[in-house]
Amino acid sequence: MLLISTSGALGRYIDMPVPVIICFRAILAGILLFVFCRWRKISFRTSSKDRPTIILSGVLMGLHWITYFYALKLSNVAIGMLSIFTYPVITALLEPIVLKTKFQKAHLLLGLLVLLGIYFLVPDLDFSHSYTKAVVLGVISALCYSLRNLIMKTKVGEYNGSVLMWYQLIVVSILLLPFLFIMKSSGITQQWFPMLILAFLTTAIGHTLFLVSFKRFSITTASIISGMQPVYGIIIAIIFLNEIPVFSTIIGGVLILTSVIIESVRTYR
């Protein structure tokens, strides 16, 4: 979660069109994961029956990133990151349906606690403001992320997490490659260093570790534990972008962390 949390500040800092950023992110991270898998002699072979599912997960991942980064561009790190954290609630509602697991009331209550924390972090939302668009895009991003995680939960036991992430990156790269020629992409020459951090640290390493964690947690549990992500992201934004949160942000962060601690204790037991 700490590594993935750098995406908020980097998404705000990198000054290029969103589809271009995501395409470079996917290509660079894909190269790193390919080299890593070859070095570890991990097989890229997949069953033909699983390929449509893996491709769909890649499409959902691309939609998640694009809508998330547009939300960041339209608002700030706090609102951009926190708006996608409706996804623990969405996941709690979808997991019993998609994976046929038993519905747990505790997960719904903890998801609502996360949502309450988000309310305190963004208490004065003006629906005539661009922030409204950011929140809507954030919720759409959350839905895509929840579906992608639920789909991947069915495959992490069969394939290596790095391989699954690599295939998703390939799908995103292919879908967004035309935008490198349509939109302005020359900014990469001045912003190659933050792009490398976004591709390698945030994406290749962070998201692979998150995928691997699905072997030990339910998707809902992993989602609620990831409630630490906006807290980390806001702290990173304070340090590097000087985006200072108000007191209500601190209250929201405490509520989110509380849900994380409660779920961590429940999982441990």
Protein backbone atom coordinates (compact mmCIF):
# COMPACT_ATOMS: atom_id res chain seq x y z
CA MET A 1 0.00 0.00 0.00
CA LEU A 2 2.89 2.39 0.71
CA LEU A 3 4.30 1.83 -2.78
CA ILE A 4 0.93 2.10 -4.54
CA SER A 5 0.19 5.29 -2.57
CA THR A 6 2.86 7.20 -4.49
CA SER A 7 0.51 7.20 -7.51
CA GLY A 8 -1.49 10.17 -6.17
CA ALA A 9 1.39 12.62 -5.90
CA LEU A 10 2.96 11.35 -9.14
CA GLY A 11 -0.35 11.62 -10.99
CA ARG A 12 -0.61 15.26 -9.95
CA TYR A 13 3.07 16.03 -10.59
CA ILE A 14 3.57 14.53 -14.06
CA ASP A 15 2.43 17.11 -16.64
CA MET A 16 1.24 15.06 -19.62
CA PRO A 17 -2.16 13.90 -20.94
CA VAL A 18 -3.61 11.11 -18.79
CA PRO A 19 -3.77 8.40 -21.52
CA VAL A 20 -0.11 9.15 -22.38
CA ILE A 21 0.95 8.85 -18.73
CA ILE A 22 -0.88 5.54 -18.31
CA CYS A 23 0.52 4.16 -21.58
CA PHE A 24 4.13 4.98 -20.63
CA ARG A 25 3.44 3.60 -17.16
CA ALA A 26 2.20 0.30 -18.57
CA ILE A 27 5.01 -0.06 -21.14
CA LEU A 28 7.85 0.69 -18.70
CA ALA A 29 6.39 -1.48 -15.92
CA GLY A 30 5.77 -4.26 -18.44
CA ILE A 31 9.43 -4.23 -19.49
CA LEU A 32 10.57 -4.51 -15.86
CA LEU A 33 8.18 -7.37 -15.07
CA PHE A 34 9.15 -9.22 -18.26
CA VAL A 35 12.86 -9.06 -17.32
CA PHE A 36 12.04 -10.13 -13.76
CA CYS A 37 9.94 -13.12 -14.87
CA ARG A 38 12.60 -14.24 -17.35
CA TRP A 39 15.30 -13.92 -14.65
CA ARG A 40 13.21 -15.99 -12.21
CA LYS A 41 12.37 -18.44 -15.02
CA ILE A 42 8.64 -17.95 -14.43
CA SER A 43 6.45 -19.39 -17.16
CA PHE A 44 4.24 -17.02 -19.15
CA ARG A 45 2.05 -19.88 -20.31
CA THR A 46 -1.66 -19.52 -19.66
CA SER A 47 -4.66 -21.71 -20.37
CA SER A 48 -6.81 -20.66 -23.33
CA LYS A 49 -9.89 -20.71 -21.10
CA ASP A 50 -8.30 -18.18 -18.74
CA ARG A 51 -7.16 -15.68 -21.39
CA PRO A 52 -10.49 -13.86 -21.81
CA THR A 53 -10.63 -13.33 -18.04
CA ILE A 54 -7.05 -12.02 -17.95
CA ILE A 55 -7.72 -9.70 -20.90
CA LEU A 56 -10.87 -8.38 -19.21
CA SER A 57 -8.89 -7.71 -16.03
CA GLY A 58 -6.40 -5.71 -18.11
CA VAL A 59 -9.20 -3.61 -19.62
CA LEU A 60 -10.63 -2.94 -16.15
CA MET A 61 -7.18 -2.03 -14.83
CA GLY A 62 -6.70 0.46 -17.66
CA LEU A 63 -10.11 2.04 -17.03
CA HIS A 64 -9.33 2.21 -13.31
CA TRP A 65 -6.05 4.05 -13.90
CA ILE A 66 -7.41 6.48 -16.48
CA THR A 67 -10.47 7.53 -14.47
CA TYR A 68 -8.35 7.75 -11.31
CA PHE A 69 -5.72 10.01 -12.91
CA TYR A 70 -8.40 12.25 -14.42
CA ALA A 71 -9.87 12.55 -10.92
CA LEU A 72 -6.44 13.61 -9.64
CA LYS A 73 -6.05 16.20 -12.40
CA LEU A 74 -9.49 17.68 -11.69
CA SER A 75 -9.02 17.96 -7.92
CA ASN A 76 -6.12 17.17 -5.57
CA VAL A 77 -4.41 14.12 -4.11
CA ALA A 78 -6.80 13.89 -1.13
CA ILE A 79 -10.04 13.97 -3.15
CA GLY A 80 -8.59 11.96 -6.04
CA MET A 81 -7.37 9.14 -3.81
CA LEU A 82 -10.25 9.16 -1.36
CA SER A 83 -12.98 9.10 -3.99
CA ILE A 84 -11.75 5.72 -5.25
CA PHE A 85 -11.97 4.39 -1.71
CA THR A 86 -15.62 3.69 -2.15
CA TYR A 87 -14.25 0.44 -3.60
CA PRO A 88 -14.06 -1.47 -0.29
CA VAL A 89 -17.83 -0.94 0.05
CA ILE A 90 -18.41 -1.91 -3.58
CA THR A 91 -16.22 -4.98 -3.13
CA ALA A 92 -18.02 -6.03 0.06
CA LEU A 93 -21.30 -5.98 -1.83
CA LEU A 94 -19.98 -7.68 -4.98
CA GLU A 95 -17.74 -10.42 -3.53
CA PRO A 96 -20.56 -12.71 -2.32
CA ILE A 97 -22.22 -12.37 -5.74
CA VAL A 98 -19.13 -12.82 -7.94
CA LEU A 99 -17.19 -15.37 -5.88
CA LYS A 100 -20.16 -17.04 -4.17
CA THR A 101 -18.73 -16.42 -0.71
CA LYS A 102 -20.70 -15.98 2.47
CA PHE A 103 -21.82 -12.41 3.08
CA GLN A 104 -20.29 -10.96 6.27
CA LYS A 105 -22.08 -8.07 7.92
CA ALA A 106 -18.81 -6.97 9.55
CA HIS A 107 -17.29 -6.27 6.13
CA LEU A 108 -20.19 -4.05 5.18
CA LEU A 109 -19.97 -2.15 8.46
CA LEU A 110 -16.22 -1.65 8.10
CA GLY A 111 -16.71 -0.55 4.51
CA LEU A 112 -19.26 2.01 5.72
CA LEU A 113 -16.73 3.20 8.30
CA VAL A 114 -14.26 3.81 5.47
CA LEU A 115 -16.98 5.70 3.61
CA LEU A 116 -17.68 7.80 6.71
CA GLY A 117 -13.98 8.59 6.89
CA ILE A 118 -14.11 9.77 3.27
CA TYR A 119 -17.06 12.01 4.14
CA PHE A 120 -15.02 13.77 6.80
CA LEU A 121 -12.07 14.10 4.45
CA VAL A 122 -14.23 15.79 1.81
CA PRO A 123 -17.05 17.41 3.83
CA ASP A 124 -17.80 20.52 1.71
CA LEU A 125 -18.16 18.99 -1.73
CA ASP A 126 -19.65 21.53 -4.17
CA PHE A 127 -21.54 19.72 -6.91
CA SER A 128 -21.09 22.66 -9.31
CA HIS A 129 -17.33 22.40 -8.96
CA SER A 130 -14.83 20.34 -10.96
CA TYR A 131 -14.38 18.31 -7.78
CA THR A 132 -17.79 16.78 -8.48
CA LYS A 133 -16.49 15.35 -11.75
CA ALA A 134 -13.44 14.08 -9.88
CA VAL A 135 -15.56 12.21 -7.33
CA VAL A 136 -17.78 10.68 -10.04
CA LEU A 137 -14.69 9.53 -11.95
CA GLY A 138 -13.26 8.22 -8.68
CA VAL A 139 -16.36 6.10 -8.03
CA ILE A 140 -16.21 4.72 -11.59
CA SER A 141 -12.54 3.95 -11.00
CA ALA A 142 -13.47 2.19 -7.76
CA LEU A 143 -16.02 0.01 -9.55
CA CYS A 144 -13.47 -1.02 -12.20
CA TYR A 145 -10.86 -1.74 -9.52
CA SER A 146 -13.28 -3.86 -7.46
CA LEU A 147 -14.27 -5.96 -10.48
CA ARG A 148 -10.64 -6.39 -11.53
CA ASN A 149 -9.64 -7.55 -8.03
CA LEU A 150 -12.52 -10.00 -7.81
CA ILE A 151 -11.66 -11.44 -11.22
CA MET A 152 -7.98 -11.81 -10.31
CA LYS A 153 -8.87 -13.53 -7.05
CA THR A 154 -9.95 -16.54 -9.14
CA LYS A 155 -6.57 -16.71 -10.91
CA VAL A 156 -3.85 -15.89 -8.36
CA GLY A 157 -3.81 -19.48 -7.14
CA GLU A 158 -3.08 -20.76 -10.66
CA TYR A 159 -0.56 -18.20 -11.97
CA ASN A 160 2.31 -16.11 -10.63
CA GLY A 161 1.24 -12.60 -9.59
CA SER A 162 3.97 -10.96 -11.68
CA VAL A 163 2.81 -12.83 -14.80
CA LEU A 164 -0.82 -11.81 -14.25
CA MET A 165 0.24 -8.19 -13.76
CA TRP A 166 2.41 -8.37 -16.90
CA TYR A 167 -0.48 -9.54 -19.05
CA GLN A 168 -2.66 -6.73 -17.71
CA LEU A 169 0.06 -4.21 -18.54
CA ILE A 170 0.30 -5.60 -22.08
CA VAL A 171 -3.46 -5.14 -22.56
CA VAL A 172 -3.30 -1.55 -21.25
CA SER A 173 -0.27 -0.76 -23.46
CA ILE A 174 -1.95 -2.07 -26.62
CA LEU A 175 -5.21 -0.21 -25.95
CA LEU A 176 -3.50 3.13 -25.22
CA LEU A 177 -0.62 3.00 -27.72
CA PRO A 178 -2.52 5.08 -30.35
CA PHE A 179 -2.72 7.97 -27.85
CA LEU A 180 1.07 8.38 -27.97
CA PHE A 181 0.63 9.55 -31.58
CA ILE A 182 -2.63 11.45 -31.10
CA MET A 183 -1.76 13.39 -27.93
CA LYS A 184 1.35 15.32 -26.95
CA SER A 185 3.91 12.89 -25.52
CA SER A 186 7.13 14.90 -25.85
CA GLY A 187 6.98 15.75 -22.13
CA ILE A 188 8.48 12.35 -21.35
CA THR A 189 11.96 13.77 -22.08
CA GLN A 190 11.65 16.20 -19.15
CA GLN A 191 9.73 13.88 -16.82
CA TRP A 192 11.36 10.52 -17.34
CA PHE A 193 12.43 10.16 -13.68
CA PRO A 194 8.94 10.47 -12.07
CA MET A 195 7.61 8.25 -14.88
CA LEU A 196 10.19 5.57 -13.98
CA ILE A 197 9.14 5.76 -10.32
CA LEU A 198 5.47 5.47 -11.31
CA ALA A 199 6.16 2.53 -13.62
CA PHE A 200 8.63 0.54 -11.52
CA LEU A 201 8.01 1.30 -7.85
CA THR A 202 4.28 2.09 -7.90
CA THR A 203 3.12 -0.25 -10.64
CA ALA A 204 5.46 -3.19 -11.20
CA ILE A 205 6.39 -3.77 -7.56
CA GLY A 206 3.42 -2.29 -5.66
CA HIS A 207 0.59 -3.82 -7.67
CA THR A 208 2.34 -7.20 -7.96
CA LEU A 209 2.67 -7.38 -4.17
CA PHE A 210 -1.00 -6.46 -3.86
CA LEU A 211 -1.98 -9.26 -6.26
CA VAL A 212 0.13 -11.78 -4.33
CA SER A 213 -1.63 -10.76 -1.10
CA PHE A 214 -4.88 -12.17 -2.53
CA LYS A 215 -3.53 -15.64 -1.77
CA ARG A 216 -3.76 -14.86 1.97
CA PHE A 217 -6.76 -12.53 2.18
CA SER A 218 -10.25 -12.31 0.81
CA ILE A 219 -10.63 -9.45 -1.68
CA THR A 220 -12.79 -7.56 0.81
CA THR A 221 -10.14 -7.93 3.53
CA ALA A 222 -7.40 -6.76 1.17
CA SER A 223 -9.60 -3.82 0.13
CA ILE A 224 -10.23 -2.69 3.69
CA ILE A 225 -6.56 -3.06 4.66
CA SER A 226 -5.73 -0.91 1.64
CA GLY A 227 -7.64 1.89 3.37
CA MET A 228 -4.18 2.99 4.48
CA GLN A 229 -3.44 4.02 0.90
CA PRO A 230 -5.11 7.49 0.99
CA VAL A 231 -3.52 8.21 4.37
CA TYR A 232 -0.07 7.41 2.96
CA GLY A 233 -0.91 9.35 -0.22
CA ILE A 234 -1.93 12.49 1.68
CA ILE A 235 1.26 12.37 3.76
CA ILE A 236 3.33 12.04 0.57
CA ALA A 237 1.41 14.99 -0.94
CA ILE A 238 2.15 17.09 2.17
CA ILE A 239 5.87 16.39 1.87
CA PHE A 240 6.35 16.75 -1.88
CA LEU A 241 3.43 18.91 -3.13
CA ASN A 242 2.73 21.00 -0.01
CA GLU A 243 -0.97 20.02 -0.07
CA ILE A 244 -1.86 20.51 3.60
CA PRO A 245 -5.00 18.69 4.80
CA VAL A 246 -7.57 20.39 7.06
CA PHE A 247 -8.61 19.05 10.46
CA SER A 248 -11.52 17.07 9.00
CA THR A 249 -8.98 15.19 6.88
CA ILE A 250 -7.28 14.01 10.07
CA ILE A 251 -10.64 12.78 11.44
CA GLY A 252 -11.32 10.89 8.21
CA GLY A 253 -7.87 9.36 8.26
CA VAL A 254 -8.41 8.13 11.84
CA LEU A 255 -11.72 6.49 10.83
CA ILE A 256 -10.09 4.76 7.86
CA LEU A 257 -7.15 3.55 9.94
CA THR A 258 -9.57 2.28 12.58
CA SER A 259 -11.28 0.06 10.01
CA VAL A 260 -7.88 -1.17 8.84
CA ILE A 261 -6.80 -2.12 12.36
CA ILE A 262 -10.12 -3.85 13.16
CA GLU A 263 -10.00 -5.92 9.95
CA SER A 264 -6.31 -6.76 10.47
CA VAL A 265 -7.06 -8.09 13.97
CA ARG A 266 -10.04 -10.10 12.66
CA THR A 267 -7.90 -11.60 9.88
CA TYR A 268 -5.08 -12.47 12.30
CA ARG A 269 -7.50 -14.29 14.64
